[in-house]
Amino acid sequence: MTKLKQPLRFALCLLPIAIVAGIFVGFYQLDTLPAEAVAEVTAELGSTDMLIVVGAVQTLLYALFCGFFGCLLAEQIGLWKPIRFEKKNLLVTLAVSAVCGIVFSLDHWVFGGMIDGIQAGNAASLTVRGVIASLLYGGIIEEVMLRLFFMSLLAWVIWKLFCRRTDREHIPTAVLIIANIIAALLFAASHLPATLMFFGRLTPLILFRCFLLNGGFGLVFGWLYRKYGIVYAMTAHALVHAVSKLIWLIFI
C-alpha cells in the first residue's frame, strides 16, 4: 500500500490541472477549427457546451490513469525523480526550450508559406484560451500521457523482454532511447486526427510537418524526462509553446 501513495498523490494533484486544461482545449478547438468541423462535432455531441464537457472529462480520465500508472512504471524502471528544480538542470532545460521555441515558431513562415491554414491557425491561437490550452494540456497532460506513462511502459516492456537479468539501476541506455523514439513517433501520430480535422486532408507535406515537428520535439522532451525527470519535460514543453507564441505576437 505504501508504494501506491506517491502515484496516487501525483495523480490527484493533476486533477485540477486536467479539468482546466480540458475546458480550455475545448474553447481552443472552437476558436481554431473550421466552421464545418465544429458543426460536425456539434451535431454529434448536441451542442458546443458538450464539446467542452467531453473534453474536460476525457482529459481528467487521461490524467488520472496515466498519472497513476505512469508514476508506478517510472519508479519500476528508475525514471521517477523527485519533483523539484535544480539550478543546473533548470538552466539546461531553459536553454533547450528557448532554442526549440524559436525553431517551432519558424513553422509559421516555413510550412505556413506552403500549406494553407497554418498562418491563420497560428494567429487564431494567440488568445488567452489558446495560451492556457497549450501550456496546461500540451505542457503537462501530454507529457504525463506520452512520456511518464507511454515511454515508461515501453521501457519497462523492452527491459522485461530483452534485459530481464538486469536490475533497474543498470537498465541499458539503449532501452530508454528506443522507448523515447517510439513514444515520440506516437506523440506525432496522436496529432493526426486533429491535423486531419484542421486541414480537412492529409497530404505528404502535412504528414511530414506533423512528424518532423511533433516527433522531433517529442525526442527532446523524452531526453529531458530520461535525464532530469518529468517536471523538466513538462517545463520544456510548456516553454516551447510560450516562446513560439511570444515570437508570433511580436512579428505577425
Protein backbone atom coordinates (compact mmCIF):
# COMPACT_ATOMS: atom_id res chain seq x y z
CA MET A 1 0.00 0.00 0.00
CA THR A 2 2.87 2.36 0.78
CA LYS A 3 4.13 2.00 -2.80
CA LEU A 4 0.82 3.35 -4.09
CA LYS A 5 0.86 6.58 -2.05
CA GLN A 6 3.23 8.50 -4.32
CA PRO A 7 1.48 7.55 -7.61
CA LEU A 8 -1.94 8.29 -6.09
CA ARG A 9 -0.80 11.63 -4.69
CA PHE A 10 0.71 12.60 -8.03
CA ALA A 11 -2.43 11.61 -9.97
CA LEU A 12 -4.71 13.53 -7.61
CA CYS A 13 -2.55 16.64 -7.91
CA LEU A 14 -3.13 16.52 -11.66
CA LEU A 15 -6.93 16.67 -11.34
CA PRO A 16 -7.46 20.46 -11.17
CA ILE A 17 -4.90 20.99 -13.94
CA ALA A 18 -6.61 18.37 -16.11
CA ILE A 19 -10.06 19.92 -15.68
CA VAL A 20 -8.86 23.42 -16.57
CA ALA A 21 -6.75 22.08 -19.46
CA GLY A 22 -9.69 20.09 -20.87
CA ILE A 23 -12.03 23.07 -20.71
CA PHE A 24 -9.62 25.41 -22.46
CA VAL A 25 -8.76 22.83 -25.12
CA GLY A 26 -12.47 22.76 -25.93
CA PHE A 27 -12.56 26.55 -26.20
CA TYR A 28 -9.39 26.48 -28.30
CA GLN A 29 -10.93 23.98 -30.71
CA LEU A 30 -13.96 26.22 -31.13
CA ASP A 31 -11.65 29.15 -31.88
CA THR A 32 -9.41 27.43 -34.42
CA LEU A 33 -11.26 24.57 -36.13
CA PRO A 34 -13.01 25.26 -39.44
CA ALA A 35 -16.72 26.01 -39.12
CA GLU A 36 -17.57 22.76 -40.93
CA ALA A 37 -15.61 20.69 -38.39
CA VAL A 38 -17.22 22.50 -35.45
CA ALA A 39 -20.67 21.92 -36.97
CA GLU A 40 -19.92 18.22 -37.43
CA VAL A 41 -18.74 17.75 -33.86
CA THR A 42 -21.64 19.79 -32.52
CA ALA A 43 -24.08 17.63 -34.46
CA GLU A 44 -22.58 14.50 -32.88
CA LEU A 45 -22.49 15.82 -29.31
CA GLY A 46 -25.57 18.02 -29.36
CA SER A 47 -24.00 21.38 -28.50
CA THR A 48 -20.71 23.23 -28.20
CA ASP A 49 -21.09 23.05 -24.42
CA MET A 50 -20.98 19.27 -24.64
CA LEU A 51 -17.75 19.50 -26.64
CA ILE A 52 -16.16 21.33 -23.72
CA VAL A 53 -17.64 18.95 -21.11
CA VAL A 54 -16.49 15.85 -23.01
CA GLY A 55 -13.02 17.34 -23.45
CA ALA A 56 -12.74 18.08 -19.73
CA VAL A 57 -13.91 14.59 -18.72
CA GLN A 58 -11.58 12.87 -21.19
CA THR A 59 -8.62 14.93 -20.02
CA LEU A 60 -9.46 14.16 -16.41
CA LEU A 61 -9.53 10.41 -17.09
CA TYR A 62 -6.29 10.55 -19.09
CA ALA A 63 -4.56 12.40 -16.26
CA LEU A 64 -5.78 10.01 -13.57
CA PHE A 65 -4.90 6.83 -15.44
CA CYS A 66 -1.61 7.93 -16.97
CA GLY A 67 -0.51 9.87 -13.90
CA PHE A 68 -1.07 6.95 -11.53
CA PHE A 69 0.26 4.11 -13.68
CA GLY A 70 2.96 6.27 -15.26
CA CYS A 71 4.36 7.07 -11.84
CA LEU A 72 4.30 3.38 -10.90
CA LEU A 73 6.11 2.40 -14.09
CA ALA A 74 8.65 5.21 -13.77
CA GLU A 75 9.51 4.02 -10.26
CA GLN A 76 9.90 0.45 -11.55
CA ILE A 77 12.47 1.42 -14.18
CA GLY A 78 14.28 4.13 -12.26
CA LEU A 79 12.93 7.08 -14.25
CA TRP A 80 10.99 8.66 -11.42
CA LYS A 81 12.81 11.61 -9.89
CA PRO A 82 11.71 13.96 -7.11
CA ILE A 83 9.60 16.87 -8.35
CA ARG A 84 11.92 19.75 -7.66
CA PHE A 85 14.09 22.10 -9.68
CA GLU A 86 17.88 22.07 -9.53
CA LYS A 87 19.75 25.04 -10.92
CA LYS A 88 21.97 23.26 -13.44
CA ASN A 89 19.16 21.08 -14.79
CA LEU A 90 16.81 24.04 -15.00
CA LEU A 91 19.34 26.13 -16.93
CA VAL A 92 19.80 23.33 -19.47
CA THR A 93 16.03 22.99 -19.78
CA LEU A 94 15.54 26.73 -20.28
CA ALA A 95 18.24 26.86 -22.96
CA VAL A 96 16.82 23.86 -24.82
CA SER A 97 13.30 25.29 -24.54
CA ALA A 98 14.36 28.66 -25.96
CA VAL A 99 16.05 27.07 -28.99
CA CYS A 100 13.14 24.69 -29.64
CA GLY A 101 10.64 27.51 -29.20
CA ILE A 102 12.42 29.60 -31.83
CA VAL A 103 12.59 26.62 -34.20
CA PHE A 104 8.90 25.87 -33.65
CA SER A 105 7.96 29.50 -34.34
CA LEU A 106 9.53 29.20 -37.80
CA ASP A 107 6.69 26.84 -38.74
CA HIS A 108 4.59 29.96 -39.32
CA TRP A 109 6.83 31.11 -42.15
CA VAL A 110 8.36 27.87 -43.47
CA PHE A 111 5.43 25.44 -43.64
CA GLY A 112 2.95 28.29 -43.36
CA GLY A 113 4.14 29.54 -46.73
CA MET A 114 3.43 26.16 -48.32
CA ILE A 115 0.31 24.91 -46.54
CA ASP A 116 -2.89 26.94 -46.39
CA GLY A 117 -4.36 27.41 -42.94
CA ILE A 118 -1.22 27.28 -40.81
CA GLN A 119 -0.69 31.03 -40.57
CA ALA A 120 -4.35 31.71 -39.88
CA GLY A 121 -4.40 28.94 -37.26
CA ASN A 122 -1.31 30.31 -35.52
CA ALA A 123 -2.81 33.79 -35.44
CA ALA A 124 -6.07 32.40 -34.03
CA SER A 125 -4.15 30.59 -31.27
CA LEU A 126 -2.82 33.88 -29.87
CA THR A 127 -5.62 34.23 -27.35
CA VAL A 128 -5.83 33.67 -23.62
CA ARG A 129 -7.72 30.44 -24.34
CA GLY A 130 -5.09 29.26 -26.79
CA VAL A 131 -2.18 30.04 -24.49
CA ILE A 132 -3.74 28.32 -21.47
CA ALA A 133 -4.65 25.24 -23.54
CA SER A 134 -1.10 25.00 -24.91
CA LEU A 135 0.63 25.44 -21.58
CA LEU A 136 -1.58 23.16 -19.50
CA TYR A 137 -2.68 20.47 -21.94
CA GLY A 138 0.45 20.45 -24.09
CA GLY A 139 2.94 21.14 -21.35
CA ILE A 140 1.54 18.93 -18.61
CA ILE A 141 -1.15 16.48 -19.74
CA GLU A 142 0.60 15.39 -22.95
CA GLU A 143 3.84 14.83 -21.07
CA VAL A 144 2.07 12.72 -18.46
CA MET A 145 0.46 10.61 -21.19
CA LEU A 146 3.32 10.28 -23.67
CA ARG A 147 6.46 10.46 -21.56
CA LEU A 148 5.58 9.49 -18.00
CA PHE A 149 3.16 6.73 -18.99
CA PHE A 150 3.82 5.52 -22.51
CA MET A 151 7.60 5.97 -22.68
CA SER A 152 7.92 4.37 -19.24
CA LEU A 153 5.65 1.50 -20.29
CA LEU A 154 7.68 0.88 -23.43
CA ALA A 155 10.94 0.96 -21.50
CA TRP A 156 9.51 -1.49 -18.92
CA VAL A 157 8.30 -3.90 -21.64
CA ILE A 158 11.60 -3.78 -23.56
CA TRP A 159 13.54 -4.26 -20.31
CA LYS A 160 11.45 -7.30 -19.30
CA LEU A 161 11.62 -8.85 -22.76
CA PHE A 162 15.29 -8.36 -23.58
CA CYS A 163 17.17 -7.40 -20.41
CA ARG A 164 15.32 -9.23 -17.66
CA ARG A 165 18.53 -10.22 -15.89
CA THR A 166 19.49 -6.59 -15.48
CA ASP A 167 18.27 -4.75 -12.39
CA ARG A 168 16.60 -1.37 -12.75
CA GLU A 169 19.72 0.53 -11.68
CA HIS A 170 21.55 -0.91 -14.69
CA ILE A 171 18.93 -0.82 -17.46
CA PRO A 172 20.85 -0.21 -20.71
CA THR A 173 20.55 3.33 -22.04
CA ALA A 174 19.58 1.85 -25.41
CA VAL A 175 16.33 0.58 -23.86
CA LEU A 176 15.37 4.10 -22.82
CA ILE A 177 16.43 5.60 -26.15
CA ILE A 178 14.32 3.10 -28.12
CA ALA A 179 11.36 3.78 -25.84
CA ASN A 180 11.83 7.51 -26.38
CA ILE A 181 11.88 7.15 -30.16
CA ILE A 182 8.72 5.05 -30.24
CA ALA A 183 6.95 7.41 -27.82
CA ALA A 184 7.97 10.41 -29.93
CA LEU A 185 6.55 8.78 -33.06
CA LEU A 186 3.33 8.01 -31.21
CA PHE A 187 3.24 11.60 -29.96
CA ALA A 188 3.38 12.77 -33.56
CA ALA A 189 0.81 10.22 -34.71
CA SER A 190 -1.57 11.26 -31.92
CA HIS A 191 -1.80 14.68 -33.59
CA LEU A 192 -3.07 13.20 -36.87
CA PRO A 193 -6.82 13.24 -36.01
CA ALA A 194 -6.64 16.91 -35.02
CA THR A 195 -4.47 17.64 -38.07
CA LEU A 196 -6.99 15.97 -40.36
CA MET A 197 -9.84 17.87 -38.73
CA PHE A 198 -7.97 21.16 -39.07
CA PHE A 199 -6.79 20.81 -42.67
CA GLY A 200 -9.54 18.54 -43.93
CA ARG A 201 -6.92 16.34 -45.63
CA LEU A 202 -3.58 14.61 -45.05
CA THR A 203 -1.04 15.27 -47.80
CA PRO A 204 2.58 14.03 -47.77
CA LEU A 205 3.75 17.54 -46.84
CA ILE A 206 1.26 17.83 -43.97
CA LEU A 207 2.31 14.40 -42.68
CA PHE A 208 5.99 15.32 -42.96
CA ARG A 209 5.38 18.52 -40.99
CA CYS A 210 3.42 16.67 -38.31
CA PHE A 211 6.09 14.02 -37.70
CA LEU A 212 9.02 16.42 -38.06
CA LEU A 213 7.78 18.96 -35.54
CA ASN A 214 5.91 16.78 -33.05
CA GLY A 215 8.26 13.80 -33.34
CA GLY A 216 11.39 15.93 -33.17
CA PHE A 217 10.28 17.87 -30.12
CA GLY A 218 8.99 14.65 -28.58
CA LEU A 219 12.54 13.27 -28.69
CA VAL A 220 13.81 16.35 -26.88
CA PHE A 221 11.13 16.13 -24.18
CA GLY A 222 11.83 12.41 -23.77
CA TRP A 223 15.54 13.10 -23.36
CA LEU A 224 14.80 15.65 -20.63
CA TYR A 225 12.48 13.17 -18.92
CA ARG A 226 15.13 10.45 -19.00
CA LYS A 227 17.89 12.81 -17.93
CA TYR A 228 16.27 15.01 -15.29
CA GLY A 229 12.69 13.87 -14.65
CA ILE A 230 9.15 14.50 -15.79
CA VAL A 231 8.94 18.00 -14.32
CA TYR A 232 11.67 19.18 -16.70
CA ALA A 233 9.93 17.63 -19.72
CA MET A 234 6.74 19.42 -18.69
CA THR A 235 8.58 22.71 -18.26
CA ALA A 236 10.27 22.43 -21.66
CA HIS A 237 7.06 21.52 -23.47
CA ALA A 238 5.19 24.45 -21.93
CA LEU A 239 8.03 26.89 -22.63
CA VAL A 240 8.31 25.83 -26.29
CA HIS A 241 4.69 26.89 -26.72
CA ALA A 242 5.26 30.08 -24.72
CA VAL A 243 8.35 31.13 -26.68
CA SER A 244 6.80 30.41 -30.09
CA LYS A 245 3.61 32.31 -29.23
CA LEU A 246 5.60 35.25 -27.93
CA ILE A 247 7.51 35.42 -31.23
CA TRP A 248 4.25 35.25 -33.19
CA LEU A 249 2.76 38.02 -31.04
CA ILE A 250 5.71 40.23 -31.87
CA PHE A 251 6.13 39.50 -35.58
CA ILE A 252 2.73 38.57 -37.02
